[in-house]
Amino acid sequence: VQLVESGGGLVQAGGSLRLSCAASGFPFDDYAIGWFRQAPGKEREGVSAIVTHDGDTIYADTIKGRFTISSDNAKSTVYLQMNSLIPEDTAVYYCAADRQIAYSTTWYRAQNDLEYDYWGQGTQVTVSS
């Protein structure tokens, strides 16, 4: 099982980035994929999640309207389009996968990192002011 994030980088406030999470080693369309982030000195927090077999999506209030999650099941890849970035979005962003959330989808479960079975290594996003 492998989850590989990419697309992070340094961007000015107001700019955009698109993160990718490429998955392999498990039945991609049978899982929910979540994006999390962890800023220095802070706990990891849930950002968004998608159920790959029906496209159901969930977002944290802090990023709603600015970030969009999507999936390309043919490529086993989930994307996080991040627009109108602010310095507070600076963090390491991780993607994670879990099968049970795909069939019992609530924000309580989707934003709980303890629910997820598989994790990527993370990609750094830095937003300068």
C-alpha atoms as a PDB file:
ATOM      1  CA  VAL A   1       0.000   0.000   0.000  1.00  0.00           C
ATOM      2  CA  GLN A   2       1.350   3.382  -0.955  1.00  0.00           C
ATOM      3  CA  LEU A   3       0.076   6.961  -0.870  1.00  0.00           C
ATOM      4  CA  VAL A   4       2.328   9.581  -2.425  1.00  0.00           C
ATOM      5  CA  GLU A   5       1.602  13.294  -2.096  1.00  0.00           C
ATOM      6  CA  SER A   6       3.008  15.893  -4.443  1.00  0.00           C
ATOM      7  CA  GLY A   7       2.389  19.471  -5.502  1.00  0.00           C
ATOM      8  CA  GLY A   8       3.426  21.341  -2.398  1.00  0.00           C
ATOM      9  CA  GLY A   9       5.651  24.389  -2.507  1.00  0.00           C
ATOM     10  CA  LEU A  10       6.058  28.047  -1.678  1.00  0.00           C
ATOM     11  CA  VAL A  11       3.343  30.452  -2.797  1.00  0.00           C
ATOM     12  CA  GLN A  12       2.357  34.018  -1.984  1.00  0.00           C
ATOM     13  CA  ALA A  13      -0.841  34.791  -0.129  1.00  0.00           C
ATOM     14  CA  GLY A  14      -3.751  34.788  -2.537  1.00  0.00           C
ATOM     15  CA  GLY A  15      -2.119  32.210  -4.749  1.00  0.00           C
ATOM     16  CA  SER A  16      -3.073  28.640  -5.604  1.00  0.00           C
ATOM     17  CA  LEU A  17      -1.616  25.159  -5.432  1.00  0.00           C
ATOM     18  CA  ARG A  18      -2.926  21.755  -6.431  1.00  0.00           C
ATOM     19  CA  LEU A  19      -1.884  18.795  -4.331  1.00  0.00           C
ATOM     20  CA  SER A  20      -2.028  15.249  -5.646  1.00  0.00           C
ATOM     21  CA  CYS A  21      -2.306  11.980  -3.758  1.00  0.00           C
ATOM     22  CA  ALA A  22      -1.420   8.962  -5.882  1.00  0.00           C
ATOM     23  CA  ALA A  23      -2.588   5.667  -4.395  1.00  0.00           C
ATOM     24  CA  SER A  24      -1.585   2.095  -5.089  1.00  0.00           C
ATOM     25  CA  GLY A  25      -1.831  -1.322  -3.504  1.00  0.00           C
ATOM     26  CA  PHE A  26      -5.495  -1.251  -2.473  1.00  0.00           C
ATOM     27  CA  PRO A  27      -8.891  -1.016  -4.223  1.00  0.00           C
ATOM     28  CA  PHE A  28      -8.986   2.739  -4.663  1.00  0.00           C
ATOM     29  CA  ASP A  29     -12.691   3.046  -5.449  1.00  0.00           C
ATOM     30  CA  ASP A  30     -13.597   1.179  -2.275  1.00  0.00           C
ATOM     31  CA  TYR A  31     -12.007   3.764   0.016  1.00  0.00           C
ATOM     32  CA  ALA A  32     -12.388   7.271   1.345  1.00  0.00           C
ATOM     33  CA  ILE A  33      -9.371   9.534   0.945  1.00  0.00           C
ATOM     34  CA  GLY A  34      -8.801  12.345   3.387  1.00  0.00           C
ATOM     35  CA  TRP A  35      -6.467  15.324   3.410  1.00  0.00           C
ATOM     36  CA  PHE A  36      -4.948  16.449   6.683  1.00  0.00           C
ATOM     37  CA  ARG A  37      -2.460  19.147   7.584  1.00  0.00           C
ATOM     38  CA  GLN A  38      -0.125  19.807  10.460  1.00  0.00           C
ATOM     39  CA  ALA A  39       1.430  23.170  11.158  1.00  0.00           C
ATOM     40  CA  PRO A  40       4.496  23.538  13.419  1.00  0.00           C
ATOM     41  CA  GLY A  41       3.513  23.220  17.052  1.00  0.00           C
ATOM     42  CA  LYS A  42      -0.079  22.303  16.246  1.00  0.00           C
ATOM     43  CA  GLU A  43      -2.069  19.111  16.108  1.00  0.00           C
ATOM     44  CA  ARG A  44      -2.870  17.471  12.818  1.00  0.00           C
ATOM     45  CA  GLU A  45      -6.270  18.590  11.538  1.00  0.00           C
ATOM     46  CA  GLY A  46      -8.653  17.254   8.946  1.00  0.00           C
ATOM     47  CA  VAL A  47      -9.067  19.421   5.862  1.00  0.00           C
ATOM     48  CA  SER A  48     -11.267  17.496   3.470  1.00  0.00           C
ATOM     49  CA  ALA A  49     -12.285  14.003   2.428  1.00  0.00           C
ATOM     50  CA  ILE A  50     -13.835  12.287  -0.557  1.00  0.00           C
ATOM     51  CA  VAL A  51     -15.599   8.965  -0.986  1.00  0.00           C
ATOM     52  CA  THR A  52     -14.172   7.717  -4.251  1.00  0.00           C
ATOM     53  CA  HIS A  53     -17.029   5.429  -5.304  1.00  0.00           C
ATOM     54  CA  ASP A  54     -19.729   8.134  -5.175  1.00  0.00           C
ATOM     55  CA  GLY A  55     -17.873  11.444  -5.089  1.00  0.00           C
ATOM     56  CA  ASP A  56     -19.300  12.509  -1.743  1.00  0.00           C
ATOM     57  CA  THR A  57     -17.104  15.273  -0.266  1.00  0.00           C
ATOM     58  CA  ILE A  58     -16.628  16.873   3.128  1.00  0.00           C
ATOM     59  CA  TYR A  59     -14.742  20.050   4.054  1.00  0.00           C
ATOM     60  CA  ALA A  60     -13.517  21.720   7.202  1.00  0.00           C
ATOM     61  CA  ASP A  61     -15.118  25.100   7.852  1.00  0.00           C
ATOM     62  CA  THR A  62     -11.693  26.788   7.818  1.00  0.00           C
ATOM     63  CA  ILE A  63     -11.134  26.006   4.136  1.00  0.00           C
ATOM     64  CA  LYS A  64     -14.672  25.717   2.790  1.00  0.00           C
ATOM     65  CA  GLY A  65     -15.087  27.749  -0.375  1.00  0.00           C
ATOM     66  CA  ARG A  66     -11.339  27.968  -0.991  1.00  0.00           C
ATOM     67  CA  PHE A  67     -10.305  24.321  -1.367  1.00  0.00           C
ATOM     68  CA  THR A  68     -11.832  21.682  -3.642  1.00  0.00           C
ATOM     69  CA  ILE A  69     -11.230  17.951  -3.403  1.00  0.00           C
ATOM     70  CA  SER A  70     -11.688  15.664  -6.395  1.00  0.00           C
ATOM     71  CA  SER A  71     -10.706  12.209  -7.535  1.00  0.00           C
ATOM     72  CA  ASP A  72      -9.688  10.570 -10.788  1.00  0.00           C
ATOM     73  CA  ASN A  73     -10.486   6.929 -10.180  1.00  0.00           C
ATOM     74  CA  ALA A  74      -8.870   5.855 -13.455  1.00  0.00           C
ATOM     75  CA  LYS A  75      -5.577   7.234 -12.142  1.00  0.00           C
ATOM     76  CA  SER A  76      -6.196   6.273  -8.485  1.00  0.00           C
ATOM     77  CA  THR A  77      -5.409   9.860  -7.593  1.00  0.00           C
ATOM     78  CA  VAL A  78      -7.104  12.426  -5.381  1.00  0.00           C
ATOM     79  CA  TYR A  79      -6.496  16.146  -5.810  1.00  0.00           C
ATOM     80  CA  LEU A  80      -6.802  19.084  -3.464  1.00  0.00           C
ATOM     81  CA  GLN A  81      -7.128  22.359  -5.333  1.00  0.00           C
ATOM     82  CA  MET A  82      -6.232  25.165  -2.943  1.00  0.00           C
ATOM     83  CA  ASN A  83      -7.147  28.726  -3.919  1.00  0.00           C
ATOM     84  CA  SER A  84      -6.954  32.044  -2.076  1.00  0.00           C
ATOM     85  CA  LEU A  85      -4.216  30.678   0.127  1.00  0.00           C
ATOM     86  CA  ILE A  86      -3.430  32.482   3.368  1.00  0.00           C
ATOM     87  CA  PRO A  87      -0.376  32.208   5.640  1.00  0.00           C
ATOM     88  CA  GLU A  88      -2.441  30.166   8.108  1.00  0.00           C
ATOM     89  CA  ASP A  89      -2.631  27.411   5.478  1.00  0.00           C
ATOM     90  CA  THR A  90       1.109  26.802   5.898  1.00  0.00           C
ATOM     91  CA  ALA A  91       1.582  23.186   6.987  1.00  0.00           C
ATOM     92  CA  VAL A  92       2.648  19.745   5.935  1.00  0.00           C
ATOM     93  CA  TYR A  93      -0.276  18.221   4.049  1.00  0.00           C
ATOM     94  CA  TYR A  94      -0.936  14.494   4.230  1.00  0.00           C
ATOM     95  CA  CYS A  95      -3.373  12.227   2.487  1.00  0.00           C
ATOM     96  CA  ALA A  96      -4.782   9.127   4.108  1.00  0.00           C
ATOM     97  CA  ALA A  97      -7.081   6.265   3.140  1.00  0.00           C
ATOM     98  CA  ASP A  98      -9.723   4.306   4.979  1.00  0.00           C
ATOM     99  CA  ARG A  99     -12.328   1.838   3.787  1.00  0.00           C
ATOM    100  CA  GLN A 100     -14.852   2.095   6.626  1.00  0.00           C
ATOM    101  CA  ILE A 101     -15.296   5.836   6.233  1.00  0.00           C
ATOM    102  CA  ALA A 102     -16.325   5.252   2.609  1.00  0.00           C
ATOM    103  CA  TYR A 103     -19.417   3.422   3.834  1.00  0.00           C
ATOM    104  CA  SER A 104     -20.129   5.414   6.977  1.00  0.00           C
ATOM    105  CA  THR A 105     -19.223   8.962   6.084  1.00  0.00           C
ATOM    106  CA  THR A 106     -19.498  11.627   8.718  1.00  0.00           C
ATOM    107  CA  TRP A 107     -17.252  14.652   9.289  1.00  0.00           C
ATOM    108  CA  TYR A 108     -16.585  13.364  12.794  1.00  0.00           C
ATOM    109  CA  ARG A 109     -15.020  10.238  11.351  1.00  0.00           C
ATOM    110  CA  ALA A 110     -13.515  11.812   8.226  1.00  0.00           C
ATOM    111  CA  GLN A 111     -11.576  14.441  10.213  1.00  0.00           C
ATOM    112  CA  ASN A 112     -10.350  11.977  12.842  1.00  0.00           C
ATOM    113  CA  ASP A 113      -6.850  10.868  11.895  1.00  0.00           C
ATOM    114  CA  LEU A 114      -7.154   7.804  14.137  1.00  0.00           C
ATOM    115  CA  GLU A 115      -9.779   6.406  11.749  1.00  0.00           C
ATOM    116  CA  TYR A 116      -7.383   6.087   8.812  1.00  0.00           C
ATOM    117  CA  ASP A 117      -5.418   2.966   7.958  1.00  0.00           C
ATOM    118  CA  TYR A 118      -2.917   4.256   5.404  1.00  0.00           C
ATOM    119  CA  TRP A 119      -0.900   7.469   5.218  1.00  0.00           C
ATOM    120  CA  GLY A 120       1.371   9.269   2.819  1.00  0.00           C
ATOM    121  CA  GLN A 121       4.651  10.928   3.736  1.00  0.00           C
ATOM    122  CA  GLY A 122       3.365  14.487   3.402  1.00  0.00           C
ATOM    123  CA  THR A 123       4.129  17.504   1.261  1.00  0.00           C
ATOM    124  CA  GLN A 124       5.081  20.959   2.550  1.00  0.00           C
ATOM    125  CA  VAL A 125       2.924  23.958   1.704  1.00  0.00           C
ATOM    126  CA  THR A 126       4.264  27.374   2.649  1.00  0.00           C
ATOM    127  CA  VAL A 127       2.250  30.535   2.100  1.00  0.00           C
ATOM    128  CA  SER A 128       4.132  33.800   2.432  1.00  0.00           C
ATOM    129  CA  SER A 129       2.453  37.065   3.395  1.00  0.00           C
END
